[in-house]
């Protein structure tokens, strides 16, 4: 049976099935939440290598310690486990509208945790967390419509344009796999 963690789930409660056990965690003990915990407090209340998958939608930008958070995700994931982020793009209106957002992210921010990236290779001492980026998708909004783009030429073009046209790229989905290693 797979064991998955729904991090900072709010009202997005995932139901367990015979194949997948879900643990729904949030700061508040809302209906359907299995465990209330402040993610700014380390260590999180799980043993090492507990989860096969972690859903981290709309949470990492709220946490002040990105490196410690990534190290904690790596600790609770099984080797080969997956973490799926949904993060507002750094110059999106979604990033600025919420006064609880503490950190800004672009397509390169999480590369420092990817053992195969040039960012990580240049600064391997930043962290002990070892991940490999599996995918990067972006949500592009224009003329009241939204499209989700996978990696490729069009995505690279939109990301370049987004640096000067605010709110063109709205949200990023970044999927990373936990790697065996010690940083």
Protein backbone atom coordinates (compact mmCIF):
# COMPACT_ATOMS: atom_id res chain seq x y z
CA UNK A 1 0.00 0.00 0.00
CA UNK A 2 1.24 3.47 -0.90
CA UNK A 3 1.31 6.12 1.83
CA UNK A 4 0.86 9.72 0.68
CA UNK A 5 0.93 13.04 2.53
CA UNK A 6 -1.36 15.95 1.64
CA UNK A 7 0.62 18.86 3.10
CA UNK A 8 -1.27 21.96 4.29
CA UNK A 9 -4.39 20.44 2.80
CA UNK A 10 -6.95 22.96 4.08
CA UNK A 11 -10.30 21.73 2.75
CA UNK A 12 -8.71 19.64 -0.07
CA UNK A 13 -9.11 16.34 1.79
CA UNK A 14 -7.80 13.22 0.03
CA UNK A 15 -9.65 10.00 0.80
CA UNK A 16 -7.73 6.78 1.42
CA UNK A 17 -8.43 3.74 -0.75
CA UNK A 18 -7.36 0.11 -0.38
CA UNK A 19 -4.31 0.98 -2.56
CA UNK A 20 -3.36 4.39 -1.13
CA UNK A 21 -3.39 5.66 2.44
CA UNK A 22 -3.60 9.47 2.65
CA UNK A 23 -2.52 11.56 5.62
CA UNK A 24 -4.11 15.02 5.44
CA UNK A 25 -2.08 17.57 7.43
CA UNK A 26 -2.91 21.20 8.09
CA UNK A 27 -2.15 23.91 10.64
CA UNK A 28 -5.82 23.87 11.72
CA UNK A 29 -7.81 20.81 12.70
CA UNK A 30 -10.44 21.29 9.98
CA UNK A 31 -13.01 18.60 9.09
CA UNK A 32 -11.18 15.68 7.42
CA UNK A 33 -7.71 16.73 8.62
CA UNK A 34 -5.87 13.78 10.18
CA UNK A 35 -3.13 15.76 11.90
CA UNK A 36 -2.66 19.42 12.85
CA UNK A 37 0.95 20.62 12.83
CA UNK A 38 2.79 23.91 12.29
CA UNK A 39 5.14 23.19 9.36
CA UNK A 40 7.52 25.88 10.61
CA UNK A 41 8.37 23.57 13.54
CA UNK A 42 10.99 20.91 12.81
CA UNK A 43 11.15 18.00 12.77
CA UNK A 44 7.72 17.20 11.39
CA UNK A 45 5.89 14.47 13.32
CA UNK A 46 6.77 11.57 11.00
CA UNK A 47 9.53 8.96 10.98
CA UNK A 48 12.16 9.03 8.24
CA UNK A 49 11.14 7.61 4.83
CA UNK A 50 7.40 7.41 5.59
CA UNK A 51 5.78 8.66 2.38
CA UNK A 52 5.72 7.59 -1.26
CA UNK A 53 4.28 10.91 -2.41
CA UNK A 54 3.77 14.38 -0.92
CA UNK A 55 1.33 16.88 -2.38
CA UNK A 56 2.53 20.40 -1.48
CA UNK A 57 0.08 22.69 -3.23
CA UNK A 58 0.21 26.36 -2.29
CA UNK A 59 2.32 25.94 0.86
CA UNK A 60 6.08 26.35 0.29
CA UNK A 61 5.70 30.08 -0.43
CA UNK A 62 4.14 30.48 3.05
CA UNK A 63 7.10 28.94 4.88
CA UNK A 64 10.11 31.10 5.85
CA UNK A 65 12.77 28.36 5.75
CA UNK A 66 12.87 26.90 2.23
CA UNK A 67 16.08 24.92 2.76
CA UNK A 68 14.87 23.39 6.05
CA UNK A 69 11.49 22.61 4.45
CA UNK A 70 13.14 20.84 1.50
CA UNK A 71 15.39 18.88 3.86
CA UNK A 72 12.35 17.84 5.89
CA UNK A 73 10.49 16.77 2.73
CA UNK A 74 13.51 14.71 1.71
CA UNK A 75 13.65 13.14 5.18
CA UNK A 76 10.00 12.03 5.25
CA UNK A 77 9.93 10.80 1.63
CA UNK A 78 11.01 7.28 0.80
CA UNK A 79 13.95 7.09 -1.63
CA UNK A 80 12.41 7.55 -5.06
CA UNK A 81 9.37 9.24 -3.50
CA UNK A 82 7.74 12.16 -5.28
CA UNK A 83 6.90 15.65 -4.08
CA UNK A 84 4.52 17.71 -6.21
CA UNK A 85 4.55 21.48 -5.71
CA UNK A 86 2.08 24.05 -6.94
CA UNK A 87 3.63 27.49 -6.40
CA UNK A 88 2.59 31.00 -7.51
CA UNK A 89 5.10 32.42 -10.00
CA UNK A 90 7.28 35.18 -8.51
CA UNK A 91 5.70 38.10 -10.42
CA UNK A 92 2.17 36.76 -10.59
CA UNK A 93 -0.70 38.64 -9.01
CA UNK A 94 -1.35 35.39 -7.08
CA UNK A 95 1.98 35.88 -5.34
CA UNK A 96 1.30 39.46 -4.26
CA UNK A 97 -2.38 39.15 -3.29
CA UNK A 98 -1.79 36.95 -0.24
CA UNK A 99 -0.17 38.79 2.69
CA UNK A 100 0.96 35.48 4.22
CA UNK A 101 3.31 34.68 1.31
CA UNK A 102 6.89 34.91 2.56
CA UNK A 103 9.04 33.54 -0.28
CA UNK A 104 9.12 34.10 -4.05
CA UNK A 105 9.84 31.30 -6.55
CA UNK A 106 10.68 31.12 -10.23
CA UNK A 107 11.50 28.16 -12.47
CA UNK A 108 15.08 27.97 -11.15
CA UNK A 109 14.56 28.31 -7.39
CA UNK A 110 14.20 24.59 -6.64
CA UNK A 111 17.14 23.70 -8.91
CA UNK A 112 19.44 24.16 -5.90
CA UNK A 113 17.96 20.90 -4.55
CA UNK A 114 18.31 18.99 -7.86
CA UNK A 115 21.50 16.90 -7.74
CA UNK A 116 21.74 17.02 -11.54
CA UNK A 117 21.46 20.78 -11.97
CA UNK A 118 24.29 23.26 -12.52
CA UNK A 119 22.95 25.33 -9.60
CA UNK A 120 23.38 22.41 -7.20
CA UNK A 121 26.75 21.39 -8.61
CA UNK A 122 28.04 24.94 -8.08
CA UNK A 123 26.87 25.00 -4.44
CA UNK A 124 26.58 21.44 -3.11
CA UNK A 125 27.06 22.69 0.45
CA UNK A 126 23.70 24.54 0.53
CA UNK A 127 21.68 21.50 1.56
CA UNK A 128 21.67 17.80 2.34
CA UNK A 129 18.36 17.26 0.50
CA UNK A 130 18.83 15.30 -2.72
CA UNK A 131 16.12 15.58 -5.36
CA UNK A 132 15.89 15.33 -9.12
CA UNK A 133 13.38 17.47 -11.00
CA UNK A 134 10.95 15.28 -12.90
CA UNK A 135 8.85 17.99 -14.53
CA UNK A 136 8.04 21.69 -14.63
CA UNK A 137 4.70 22.94 -15.93
CA UNK A 138 3.42 26.50 -15.91
CA UNK A 139 -0.03 28.03 -16.02
CA UNK A 140 -0.17 30.91 -18.49
CA UNK A 141 -2.97 33.45 -18.28
CA UNK A 142 -3.90 35.85 -21.04
CA UNK A 143 -7.18 37.52 -22.01
CA UNK A 144 -9.05 35.86 -19.12
CA UNK A 145 -8.02 32.39 -20.28
CA UNK A 146 -5.49 30.01 -18.81
CA UNK A 147 -3.33 27.29 -20.33
CA UNK A 148 -1.03 24.75 -18.70
CA UNK A 149 2.26 24.28 -20.58
CA UNK A 150 4.76 21.43 -20.25
CA UNK A 151 8.50 21.84 -20.74
CA UNK A 152 9.57 22.82 -24.24
CA UNK A 153 10.18 25.77 -26.54
CA UNK A 154 6.86 27.54 -25.90
CA UNK A 155 7.28 27.25 -22.13
CA UNK A 156 10.83 28.68 -22.31
CA UNK A 157 9.56 31.58 -24.46
CA UNK A 158 6.68 32.36 -22.08
CA UNK A 159 9.02 32.22 -19.06
CA UNK A 160 11.37 34.73 -20.74
CA UNK A 161 8.43 37.03 -21.54
CA UNK A 162 7.10 36.64 -17.99
CA UNK A 163 10.16 38.39 -16.59
CA UNK A 164 8.96 41.65 -18.18
CA UNK A 165 5.20 41.03 -18.46
CA UNK A 166 3.90 40.54 -14.93
CA UNK A 167 1.19 37.95 -14.31
CA UNK A 168 1.67 36.18 -17.65
CA UNK A 169 2.92 33.07 -15.86
CA UNK A 170 0.59 32.53 -12.92
CA UNK A 171 1.45 29.22 -11.28
CA UNK A 172 4.19 26.57 -11.54
CA UNK A 173 3.81 22.84 -10.97
CA UNK A 174 7.17 21.32 -10.07
CA UNK A 175 7.52 17.58 -9.49
CA UNK A 176 10.70 16.29 -7.86
CA UNK A 177 11.91 12.79 -6.93
CA UNK A 178 13.83 12.10 -3.72
CA UNK A 179 17.26 10.66 -4.48
CA UNK A 180 19.42 8.49 -2.31
CA UNK A 181 22.43 10.42 -1.09
CA UNK A 182 23.75 12.69 1.58
CA UNK A 183 23.99 15.91 -0.36
